[in-house]
Amino acid sequence: MRRHRHPWCRCHRPKSPIVYPVKENVVFHCTEETVQHVHPSHTTIKHHHVVKNEHVYPHTTSVENSTESVDINKGNTFSPQSRNDVAGAMYPGMKKD
């Protein structure tokens, strides 16, 4: 006896596997990296020297004194011209002491 198969019946056919959606496992792996950000700075120290040239004009003053000695002989009784005598002058015939 031959069995009649109906199209809606899958009774005797081999069953295909049922495949479910893939279950995804996520594993996080973290690595760390340090990046240096260099911000350089510089200080310049500048020394400044000022030379002040001071001009001075020293002045000196000197004083010179001169002395002159004049002998005036007045009232000489030995000379006939006593009023006209010149200091240190001798008349003819007079002797020096």
PDB file of N, CA and C in Angstrom:
ATOM      1  N   MET A   1       0.812  -1.130   0.000  1.00  0.00           N
ATOM      2  CA  MET A   1       0.000   0.000   0.000  1.00  0.00           C
ATOM      3  C   MET A   1       0.881   1.226   0.000  1.00  0.00           C
ATOM      4  N   ARG A   2       0.438   1.979  -0.771  1.00  0.00           N
ATOM      5  CA  ARG A   2       1.229   3.176  -0.992  1.00  0.00           C
ATOM      6  C   ARG A   2       0.624   4.312  -0.213  1.00  0.00           C
ATOM      7  N   ARG A   3       1.478   4.994   0.469  1.00  0.00           N
ATOM      8  CA  ARG A   3       0.949   6.111   1.233  1.00  0.00           C
ATOM      9  C   ARG A   3       0.944   7.361   0.372  1.00  0.00           C
ATOM     10  N   HIS A   4      -0.029   8.032   0.614  1.00  0.00           N
ATOM     11  CA  HIS A   4      -0.145   9.271  -0.120  1.00  0.00           C
ATOM     12  C   HIS A   4       0.423  10.403   0.734  1.00  0.00           C
ATOM     13  N   ARG A   5       1.200  11.136   0.155  1.00  0.00           N
ATOM     14  CA  ARG A   5       1.805  12.265   0.894  1.00  0.00           C
ATOM     15  C   ARG A   5       1.098  13.554   0.504  1.00  0.00           C
ATOM     16  N   HIS A   6       0.850  14.242   1.486  1.00  0.00           N
ATOM     17  CA  HIS A   6       0.246  15.542   1.238  1.00  0.00           C
ATOM     18  C   HIS A   6       1.343  16.595   1.283  1.00  0.00           C
ATOM     19  N   PRO A   7       1.196  17.651   0.541  1.00  0.00           N
ATOM     20  CA  PRO A   7       2.251  18.659   0.515  1.00  0.00           C
ATOM     21  C   PRO A   7       2.411  19.371   1.852  1.00  0.00           C
ATOM     22  N   TRP A   8       1.429  19.439   2.585  1.00  0.00           N
ATOM     23  CA  TRP A   8       1.528  20.131   3.872  1.00  0.00           C
ATOM     24  C   TRP A   8       2.146  19.268   4.937  1.00  0.00           C
ATOM     25  N   CYS A   9       2.284  18.034   4.678  1.00  0.00           N
ATOM     26  CA  CYS A   9       2.841  17.144   5.660  1.00  0.00           C
ATOM     27  C   CYS A   9       4.295  16.864   5.359  1.00  0.00           C
ATOM     28  N   ARG A  10       5.114  17.068   6.363  1.00  0.00           N
ATOM     29  CA  ARG A  10       6.541  16.832   6.183  1.00  0.00           C
ATOM     30  C   ARG A  10       6.977  15.747   7.156  1.00  0.00           C
ATOM     31  N   CYS A  11       6.231  14.941   7.363  1.00  0.00           N
ATOM     32  CA  CYS A  11       6.466  13.939   8.378  1.00  0.00           C
ATOM     33  C   CYS A  11       7.687  13.101   8.136  1.00  0.00           C
ATOM     34  N   HIS A  12       7.881  12.674   6.989  1.00  0.00           N
ATOM     35  CA  HIS A  12       8.966  11.745   6.744  1.00  0.00           C
ATOM     36  C   HIS A  12      10.173  12.367   6.050  1.00  0.00           C
ATOM     37  N   ARG A  13      10.155  13.588   5.803  1.00  0.00           N
ATOM     38  CA  ARG A  13      11.302  14.229   5.189  1.00  0.00           C
ATOM     39  C   ARG A  13      12.351  14.514   6.236  1.00  0.00           C
ATOM     40  N   PRO A  14      13.614  14.494   5.868  1.00  0.00           N
ATOM     41  CA  PRO A  14      14.640  14.840   6.856  1.00  0.00           C
ATOM     42  C   PRO A  14      14.530  16.327   7.244  1.00  0.00           C
ATOM     43  N   LYS A  15      14.691  16.558   8.451  1.00  0.00           N
ATOM     44  CA  LYS A  15      14.531  17.911   8.943  1.00  0.00           C
ATOM     45  C   LYS A  15      15.854  18.664   8.811  1.00  0.00           C
ATOM     46  N   SER A  16      15.751  19.872   8.373  1.00  0.00           N
ATOM     47  CA  SER A  16      16.945  20.705   8.283  1.00  0.00           C
ATOM     48  C   SER A  16      17.153  21.368   9.659  1.00  0.00           C
ATOM     49  N   PRO A  17      18.388  21.651   9.961  1.00  0.00           N
ATOM     50  CA  PRO A  17      18.659  22.207  11.290  1.00  0.00           C
ATOM     51  C   PRO A  17      18.072  23.609  11.434  1.00  0.00           C
ATOM     52  N   ILE A  18      17.738  23.911  12.585  1.00  0.00           N
ATOM     53  CA  ILE A  18      17.257  25.257  12.889  1.00  0.00           C
ATOM     54  C   ILE A  18      18.463  26.055  13.363  1.00  0.00           C
ATOM     55  N   VAL A  19      18.733  27.140  12.674  1.00  0.00           N
ATOM     56  CA  VAL A  19      19.897  27.970  12.980  1.00  0.00           C
ATOM     57  C   VAL A  19      19.387  29.277  13.577  1.00  0.00           C
ATOM     58  N   TYR A  20      19.873  29.536  14.735  1.00  0.00           N
ATOM     59  CA  TYR A  20      19.502  30.765  15.427  1.00  0.00           C
ATOM     60  C   TYR A  20      20.513  31.876  15.089  1.00  0.00           C
ATOM     61  N   PRO A  21      20.101  33.090  15.330  1.00  0.00           N
ATOM     62  CA  PRO A  21      21.051  34.180  15.083  1.00  0.00           C
ATOM     63  C   PRO A  21      22.277  34.049  15.997  1.00  0.00           C
ATOM     64  N   VAL A  22      23.352  34.528  15.507  1.00  0.00           N
ATOM     65  CA  VAL A  22      24.617  34.412  16.229  1.00  0.00           C
ATOM     66  C   VAL A  22      24.537  35.277  17.493  1.00  0.00           C
ATOM     67  N   LYS A  23      24.881  34.679  18.595  1.00  0.00           N
ATOM     68  CA  LYS A  23      24.983  35.431  19.833  1.00  0.00           C
ATOM     69  C   LYS A  23      26.383  36.022  19.877  1.00  0.00           C
ATOM     70  N   GLU A  24      26.425  37.335  19.959  1.00  0.00           N
ATOM     71  CA  GLU A  24      27.726  38.015  19.878  1.00  0.00           C
ATOM     72  C   GLU A  24      28.183  38.396  21.276  1.00  0.00           C
ATOM     73  N   ASN A  25      29.384  38.000  21.580  1.00  0.00           N
ATOM     74  CA  ASN A  25      30.032  38.411  22.817  1.00  0.00           C
ATOM     75  C   ASN A  25      31.087  39.449  22.469  1.00  0.00           C
ATOM     76  N   VAL A  26      31.053  40.553  23.156  1.00  0.00           N
ATOM     77  CA  VAL A  26      32.010  41.616  22.898  1.00  0.00           C
ATOM     78  C   VAL A  26      32.957  41.708  24.096  1.00  0.00           C
ATOM     79  N   VAL A  27      34.222  41.613  23.809  1.00  0.00           N
ATOM     80  CA  VAL A  27      35.242  41.743  24.845  1.00  0.00           C
ATOM     81  C   VAL A  27      35.993  43.045  24.551  1.00  0.00           C
ATOM     82  N   PHE A  28      35.975  43.954  25.527  1.00  0.00           N
ATOM     83  CA  PHE A  28      36.670  45.216  25.359  1.00  0.00           C
ATOM     84  C   PHE A  28      38.088  45.067  25.884  1.00  0.00           C
ATOM     85  N   HIS A  29      38.987  45.494  25.078  1.00  0.00           N
ATOM     86  CA  HIS A  29      40.389  45.485  25.474  1.00  0.00           C
ATOM     87  C   HIS A  29      40.883  46.931  25.380  1.00  0.00           C
ATOM     88  N   CYS A  30      41.430  47.451  26.467  1.00  0.00           N
ATOM     89  CA  CYS A  30      41.843  48.860  26.501  1.00  0.00           C
ATOM     90  C   CYS A  30      43.346  48.934  26.689  1.00  0.00           C
ATOM     91  N   THR A  31      43.959  49.742  25.903  1.00  0.00           N
ATOM     92  CA  THR A  31      45.377  50.037  26.093  1.00  0.00           C
ATOM     93  C   THR A  31      45.499  51.521  26.394  1.00  0.00           C
ATOM     94  N   GLU A  32      46.550  51.873  27.117  1.00  0.00           N
ATOM     95  CA  GLU A  32      46.748  53.267  27.518  1.00  0.00           C
ATOM     96  C   GLU A  32      48.067  53.767  26.966  1.00  0.00           C
ATOM     97  N   GLU A  33      48.045  54.990  26.520  1.00  0.00           N
ATOM     98  CA  GLU A  33      49.244  55.602  25.981  1.00  0.00           C
ATOM     99  C   GLU A  33      49.307  57.029  26.516  1.00  0.00           C
ATOM    100  N   THR A  34      50.499  57.446  26.923  1.00  0.00           N
ATOM    101  CA  THR A  34      50.696  58.806  27.422  1.00  0.00           C
ATOM    102  C   THR A  34      51.432  59.605  26.361  1.00  0.00           C
ATOM    103  N   VAL A  35      50.877  60.725  25.987  1.00  0.00           N
ATOM    104  CA  VAL A  35      51.488  61.606  25.013  1.00  0.00           C
ATOM    105  C   VAL A  35      51.845  62.897  25.750  1.00  0.00           C
ATOM    106  N   GLN A  36      53.131  63.246  25.740  1.00  0.00           N
ATOM    107  CA  GLN A  36      53.576  64.476  26.382  1.00  0.00           C
ATOM    108  C   GLN A  36      53.344  65.656  25.444  1.00  0.00           C
ATOM    109  N   HIS A  37      52.781  66.690  25.993  1.00  0.00           N
ATOM    110  CA  HIS A  37      52.617  67.938  25.258  1.00  0.00           C
ATOM    111  C   HIS A  37      53.574  68.934  25.906  1.00  0.00           C
ATOM    112  N   VAL A  38      54.656  69.260  25.214  1.00  0.00           N
ATOM    113  CA  VAL A  38      55.722  70.097  25.767  1.00  0.00           C
ATOM    114  C   VAL A  38      55.468  71.544  25.371  1.00  0.00           C
ATOM    115  N   HIS A  39      55.415  72.408  26.372  1.00  0.00           N
ATOM    116  CA  HIS A  39      55.229  73.843  26.150  1.00  0.00           C
ATOM    117  C   HIS A  39      56.456  74.558  26.709  1.00  0.00           C
ATOM    118  N   PRO A  40      57.494  74.718  25.900  1.00  0.00           N
ATOM    119  CA  PRO A  40      58.732  75.305  26.429  1.00  0.00           C
ATOM    120  C   PRO A  40      58.587  76.806  26.664  1.00  0.00           C
ATOM    121  N   SER A  41      59.366  77.296  27.614  1.00  0.00           N
ATOM    122  CA  SER A  41      59.457  78.734  27.857  1.00  0.00           C
ATOM    123  C   SER A  41      60.921  79.066  28.101  1.00  0.00           C
ATOM    124  N   HIS A  42      61.261  80.336  27.895  1.00  0.00           N
ATOM    125  CA  HIS A  42      62.648  80.762  28.028  1.00  0.00           C
ATOM    126  C   HIS A  42      62.673  82.147  28.665  1.00  0.00           C
ATOM    127  N   THR A  43      63.631  82.371  29.545  1.00  0.00           N
ATOM    128  CA  THR A  43      63.820  83.676  30.173  1.00  0.00           C
ATOM    129  C   THR A  43      65.200  84.181  29.796  1.00  0.00           C
ATOM    130  N   THR A  44      65.255  85.397  29.267  1.00  0.00           N
ATOM    131  CA  THR A  44      66.524  86.037  28.948  1.00  0.00           C
ATOM    132  C   THR A  44      66.727  87.178  29.927  1.00  0.00           C
ATOM    133  N   ILE A  45      67.863  87.166  30.602  1.00  0.00           N
ATOM    134  CA  ILE A  45      68.199  88.242  31.527  1.00  0.00           C
ATOM    135  C   ILE A  45      69.209  89.132  30.821  1.00  0.00           C
ATOM    136  N   LYS A  46      68.856  90.382  30.655  1.00  0.00           N
ATOM    137  CA  LYS A  46      69.730  91.326  29.968  1.00  0.00           C
ATOM    138  C   LYS A  46      70.238  92.338  30.986  1.00  0.00           C
ATOM    139  N   HIS A  47      71.548  92.425  31.100  1.00  0.00           N
ATOM    140  CA  HIS A  47      72.170  93.395  31.979  1.00  0.00           C
ATOM    141  C   HIS A  47      72.525  94.635  31.159  1.00  0.00           C
ATOM    142  N   HIS A  48      72.227  95.778  31.701  1.00  0.00           N
ATOM    143  CA  HIS A  48      72.517  97.026  31.005  1.00  0.00           C
ATOM    144  C   HIS A  48      73.374  97.875  31.930  1.00  0.00           C
ATOM    145  N   HIS A  49      74.481  98.357  31.433  1.00  0.00           N
ATOM    146  CA  HIS A  49      75.397  99.159  32.228  1.00  0.00           C
ATOM    147  C   HIS A  49      75.496 100.543  31.597  1.00  0.00           C
ATOM    148  N   VAL A  50      75.313 101.570  32.396  1.00  0.00           N
ATOM    149  CA  VAL A  50      75.393 102.948  31.912  1.00  0.00           C
ATOM    150  C   VAL A  50      76.656 103.571  32.474  1.00  0.00           C
ATOM    151  N   VAL A  51      77.446 104.140  31.606  1.00  0.00           N
ATOM    152  CA  VAL A  51      78.640 104.879  32.029  1.00  0.00           C
ATOM    153  C   VAL A  51      78.307 106.359  31.890  1.00  0.00           C
ATOM    154  N   LYS A  52      78.327 107.049  33.009  1.00  0.00           N
ATOM    155  CA  LYS A  52      78.054 108.484  32.982  1.00  0.00           C
ATOM    156  C   LYS A  52      79.397 109.200  32.973  1.00  0.00           C
ATOM    157  N   ASN A  53      79.646 109.939  31.926  1.00  0.00           N
ATOM    158  CA  ASN A  53      80.884 110.700  31.799  1.00  0.00           C
ATOM    159  C   ASN A  53      80.637 112.093  32.339  1.00  0.00           C
ATOM    160  N   GLU A  54      81.172 112.344  33.488  1.00  0.00           N
ATOM    161  CA  GLU A  54      80.999 113.643  34.122  1.00  0.00           C
ATOM    162  C   GLU A  54      82.227 114.489  33.826  1.00  0.00           C
ATOM    163  N   HIS A  55      82.005 115.613  33.183  1.00  0.00           N
ATOM    164  CA  HIS A  55      83.108 116.501  32.823  1.00  0.00           C
ATOM    165  C   HIS A  55      83.212 117.590  33.889  1.00  0.00           C
ATOM    166  N   VAL A  56      84.356 117.673  34.502  1.00  0.00           N
ATOM    167  CA  VAL A  56      84.591 118.702  35.508  1.00  0.00           C
ATOM    168  C   VAL A  56      85.711 119.606  35.027  1.00  0.00           C
ATOM    169  N   TYR A  57      85.633 120.840  35.390  1.00  0.00           N
ATOM    170  CA  TYR A  57      86.617 121.828  34.968  1.00  0.00           C
ATOM    171  C   TYR A  57      87.173 122.521  36.213  1.00  0.00           C
ATOM    172  N   PRO A  58      88.144 121.895  36.840  1.00  0.00           N
ATOM    173  CA  PRO A  58      88.695 122.538  38.036  1.00  0.00           C
ATOM    174  C   PRO A  58      89.459 123.808  37.655  1.00  0.00           C
ATOM    175  N   HIS A  59      89.336 124.777  38.503  1.00  0.00           N
ATOM    176  CA  HIS A  59      89.987 126.062  38.242  1.00  0.00           C
ATOM    177  C   HIS A  59      90.709 126.491  39.514  1.00  0.00           C
ATOM    178  N   THR A  60      91.898 126.899  39.351  1.00  0.00           N
ATOM    179  CA  THR A  60      92.666 127.400  40.489  1.00  0.00           C
ATOM    180  C   THR A  60      92.976 128.863  40.264  1.00  0.00           C
ATOM    181  N   THR A  61      93.191 129.556  41.354  1.00  0.00           N
ATOM    182  CA  THR A  61      93.556 130.972  41.312  1.00  0.00           C
ATOM    183  C   THR A  61      94.797 131.147  42.170  1.00  0.00           C
ATOM    184  N   SER A  62      95.757 131.842  41.642  1.00  0.00           N
ATOM    185  CA  SER A  62      96.956 132.124  42.431  1.00  0.00           C
ATOM    186  C   SER A  62      97.104 133.636  42.566  1.00  0.00           C
ATOM    187  N   VAL A  63      97.767 134.013  43.636  1.00  0.00           N
ATOM    188  CA  VAL A  63      97.994 135.426  43.903  1.00  0.00           C
ATOM    189  C   VAL A  63      99.490 135.637  44.043  1.00  0.00           C
ATOM    190  N   GLU A  64      99.994 136.581  43.340  1.00  0.00           N
ATOM    191  CA  GLU A  64     101.404 136.948  43.477  1.00  0.00           C
ATOM    192  C   GLU A  64     101.478 138.359  44.033  1.00  0.00           C
ATOM    193  N   ASN A  65     102.270 138.518  45.040  1.00  0.00           N
ATOM    194  CA  ASN A  65     102.497 139.846  45.618  1.00  0.00           C
ATOM    195  C   ASN A  65     103.924 140.274  45.279  1.00  0.00           C
ATOM    196  N   SER A  66     104.032 141.467  44.834  1.00  0.00           N
ATOM    197  CA  SER A  66     105.370 142.004  44.586  1.00  0.00           C
ATOM    198  C   SER A  66     105.601 143.177  45.539  1.00  0.00           C
ATOM    199  N   THR A  67     106.802 143.272  45.927  1.00  0.00           N
ATOM    200  CA  THR A  67     107.175 144.357  46.864  1.00  0.00           C
ATOM    201  C   THR A  67     108.325 145.129  46.248  1.00  0.00           C
ATOM    202  N   GLU A  68     108.187 146.403  46.331  1.00  0.00           N
ATOM    203  CA  GLU A  68     109.241 147.271  45.833  1.00  0.00           C
ATOM    204  C   GLU A  68     109.664 148.174  46.995  1.00  0.00           C
ATOM    205  N   SER A  69     110.902 148.291  47.144  1.00  0.00           N
ATOM    206  CA  SER A  69     111.428 149.130  48.231  1.00  0.00           C
ATOM    207  C   SER A  69     112.117 150.358  47.616  1.00  0.00           C
ATOM    208  N   VAL A  70     111.665 151.496  47.994  1.00  0.00           N
ATOM    209  CA  VAL A  70     112.235 152.744  47.495  1.00  0.00           C
ATOM    210  C   VAL A  70     112.705 153.536  48.716  1.00  0.00           C
ATOM    211  N   ASP A  71     113.936 153.933  48.697  1.00  0.00           N
ATOM    212  CA  ASP A  71     114.484 154.766  49.775  1.00  0.00           C
ATOM    213  C   ASP A  71     114.424 156.218  49.350  1.00  0.00           C
ATOM    214  N   ILE A  72     113.749 156.971  50.139  1.00  0.00           N
ATOM    215  CA  ILE A  72     113.684 158.410  49.886  1.00  0.00           C
ATOM    216  C   ILE A  72     114.407 159.087  51.053  1.00  0.00           C
ATOM    217  N   ASN A  73     115.362 159.875  50.721  1.00  0.00           N
ATOM    218  CA  ASN A  73     116.169 160.556  51.734  1.00  0.00           C
ATOM    219  C   ASN A  73     115.747 162.019  51.782  1.00  0.00           C
ATOM    220  N   LYS A  74     115.046 162.431  52.828  1.00  0.00           N
ATOM    221  CA  LYS A  74     114.591 163.811  52.978  1.00  0.00           C
ATOM    222  C   LYS A  74     115.307 164.445  54.152  1.00  0.00           C
ATOM    223  N   GLY A  75     115.591 165.643  53.987  1.00  0.00           N
ATOM    224  CA  GLY A  75     116.194 166.389  55.071  1.00  0.00           C
ATOM    225  C   GLY A  75     117.653 166.038  55.316  1.00  0.00           C
ATOM    226  N   ASN A  76     118.395 165.742  54.289  1.00  0.00           N
ATOM    227  CA  ASN A  76     119.811 165.430  54.442  1.00  0.00           C
ATOM    228  C   ASN A  76     120.564 166.740  54.607  1.00  0.00           C
ATOM    229  N   THR A  77     121.149 166.917  55.736  1.00  0.00           N
ATOM    230  CA  THR A  77     121.866 168.177  56.016  1.00  0.00           C
ATOM    231  C   THR A  77     123.225 168.211  55.375  1.00  0.00           C
ATOM    232  N   PHE A  78     123.711 167.095  54.920  1.00  0.00           N
ATOM    233  CA  PHE A  78     125.045 167.064  54.313  1.00  0.00           C
ATOM    234  C   PHE A  78     125.025 167.455  52.856  1.00  0.00           C
ATOM    235  N   SER A  79     123.862 167.487  52.265  1.00  0.00           N
ATOM    236  CA  SER A  79     123.801 167.752  50.839  1.00  0.00           C
ATOM    237  C   SER A  79     123.183 169.109  50.598  1.00  0.00           C
ATOM    238  N   PRO A  80     123.804 169.912  49.741  1.00  0.00           N
ATOM    239  CA  PRO A  80     123.220 171.208  49.461  1.00  0.00           C
ATOM    240  C   PRO A  80     121.909 171.086  48.699  1.00  0.00           C
ATOM    241  N   GLN A  81     121.678 170.010  47.994  1.00  0.00           N
ATOM    242  CA  GLN A  81     120.435 169.837  47.239  1.00  0.00           C
ATOM    243  C   GLN A  81     119.610 168.704  47.867  1.00  0.00           C
ATOM    244  N   SER A  82     119.399 168.733  49.161  1.00  0.00           N
ATOM    245  CA  SER A  82     118.764 167.636  49.856  1.00  0.00           C
ATOM    246  C   SER A  82     117.303 167.418  49.436  1.00  0.00           C
ATOM    247  N   ARG A  83     116.705 168.460  48.959  1.00  0.00           N
ATOM    248  CA  ARG A  83     115.313 168.291  48.561  1.00  0.00           C
ATOM    249  C   ARG A  83     115.191 167.611  47.216  1.00  0.00           C
ATOM    250  N   ASN A  84     116.201 167.543  46.453  1.00  0.00           N
ATOM    251  CA  ASN A  84     116.136 166.926  45.129  1.00  0.00           C
ATOM    252  C   ASN A  84     116.901 165.613  45.080  1.00  0.00           C
ATOM    253  N   ASP A  85     117.153 165.038  46.252  1.00  0.00           N
ATOM    254  CA  ASP A  85     117.898 163.778  46.277  1.00  0.00           C
ATOM    255  C   ASP A  85     117.089 162.621  45.684  1.00  0.00           C
ATOM    256  N   VAL A  86     117.826 161.734  45.093  1.00  0.00           N
ATOM    257  CA  VAL A  86     117.249 160.482  44.610  1.00  0.00           C
ATOM    258  C   VAL A  86     117.838 159.394  45.466  1.00  0.00           C
ATOM    259  N   ALA A  87     117.054 158.477  45.866  1.00  0.00           N
ATOM    260  CA  ALA A  87     117.505 157.431  46.775  1.00  0.00           C
ATOM    261  C   ALA A  87     118.712 156.713  46.200  1.00  0.00           C
ATOM    262  N   GLY A  88     119.756 156.622  46.995  1.00  0.00           N
ATOM    263  CA  GLY A  88     120.953 155.890  46.624  1.00  0.00           C
ATOM    264  C   GLY A  88     121.930 156.670  45.758  1.00  0.00           C
ATOM    265  N   ALA A  89     121.541 157.870  45.359  1.00  0.00           N
ATOM    266  CA  ALA A  89     122.443 158.642  44.495  1.00  0.00           C
ATOM    267  C   ALA A  89     123.464 159.386  45.340  1.00  0.00           C
ATOM    268  N   MET A  90     124.642 159.518  44.816  1.00  0.00           N
ATOM    269  CA  MET A  90     125.719 160.216  45.536  1.00  0.00           C
ATOM    270  C   MET A  90     126.148 161.409  44.716  1.00  0.00           C
ATOM    271  N   TYR A  91     126.499 162.438  45.429  1.00  0.00           N
ATOM    272  CA  TYR A  91     126.996 163.622  44.764  1.00  0.00           C
ATOM    273  C   TYR A  91     128.495 163.487  44.548  1.00  0.00           C
ATOM    274  N   PRO A  92     128.980 164.192  43.560  1.00  0.00           N
ATOM    275  CA  PRO A  92     130.426 164.111  43.337  1.00  0.00           C
ATOM    276  C   PRO A  92     131.222 164.618  44.553  1.00  0.00           C
ATOM    277  N   GLY A  93     132.184 163.906  44.918  1.00  0.00           N
ATOM    278  CA  GLY A  93     133.024 164.250  46.054  1.00  0.00           C
ATOM    279  C   GLY A  93     132.566 163.629  47.355  1.00  0.00           C
ATOM    280  N   MET A  94     131.412 162.979  47.365  1.00  0.00           N
ATOM    281  CA  MET A  94     130.946 162.352  48.581  1.00  0.00           C
ATOM    282  C   MET A  94     131.599 160.993  48.704  1.00  0.00           C
ATOM    283  N   LYS A  95     131.856 160.598  49.901  1.00  0.00           N
ATOM    284  CA  LYS A  95     132.448 159.316  50.155  1.00  0.00           C
ATOM    285  C   LYS A  95     131.439 158.384  50.762  1.00  0.00           C
ATOM    286  N   LYS A  96     131.560 157.203  50.389  1.00  0.00           N
ATOM    287  CA  LYS A  96     130.667 156.179  50.893  1.00  0.00           C
ATOM    288  C   LYS A  96     131.149 155.757  52.266  1.00  0.00           C
ATOM    289  N   ASP A  97     130.300 155.614  53.233  1.00  0.00           N
ATOM    290  CA  ASP A  97     130.681 155.212  54.591  1.00  0.00           C
ATOM    291  C   ASP A  97     131.021 153.763  54.669  1.00  0.00           C
TER     292      ASP A  97
END
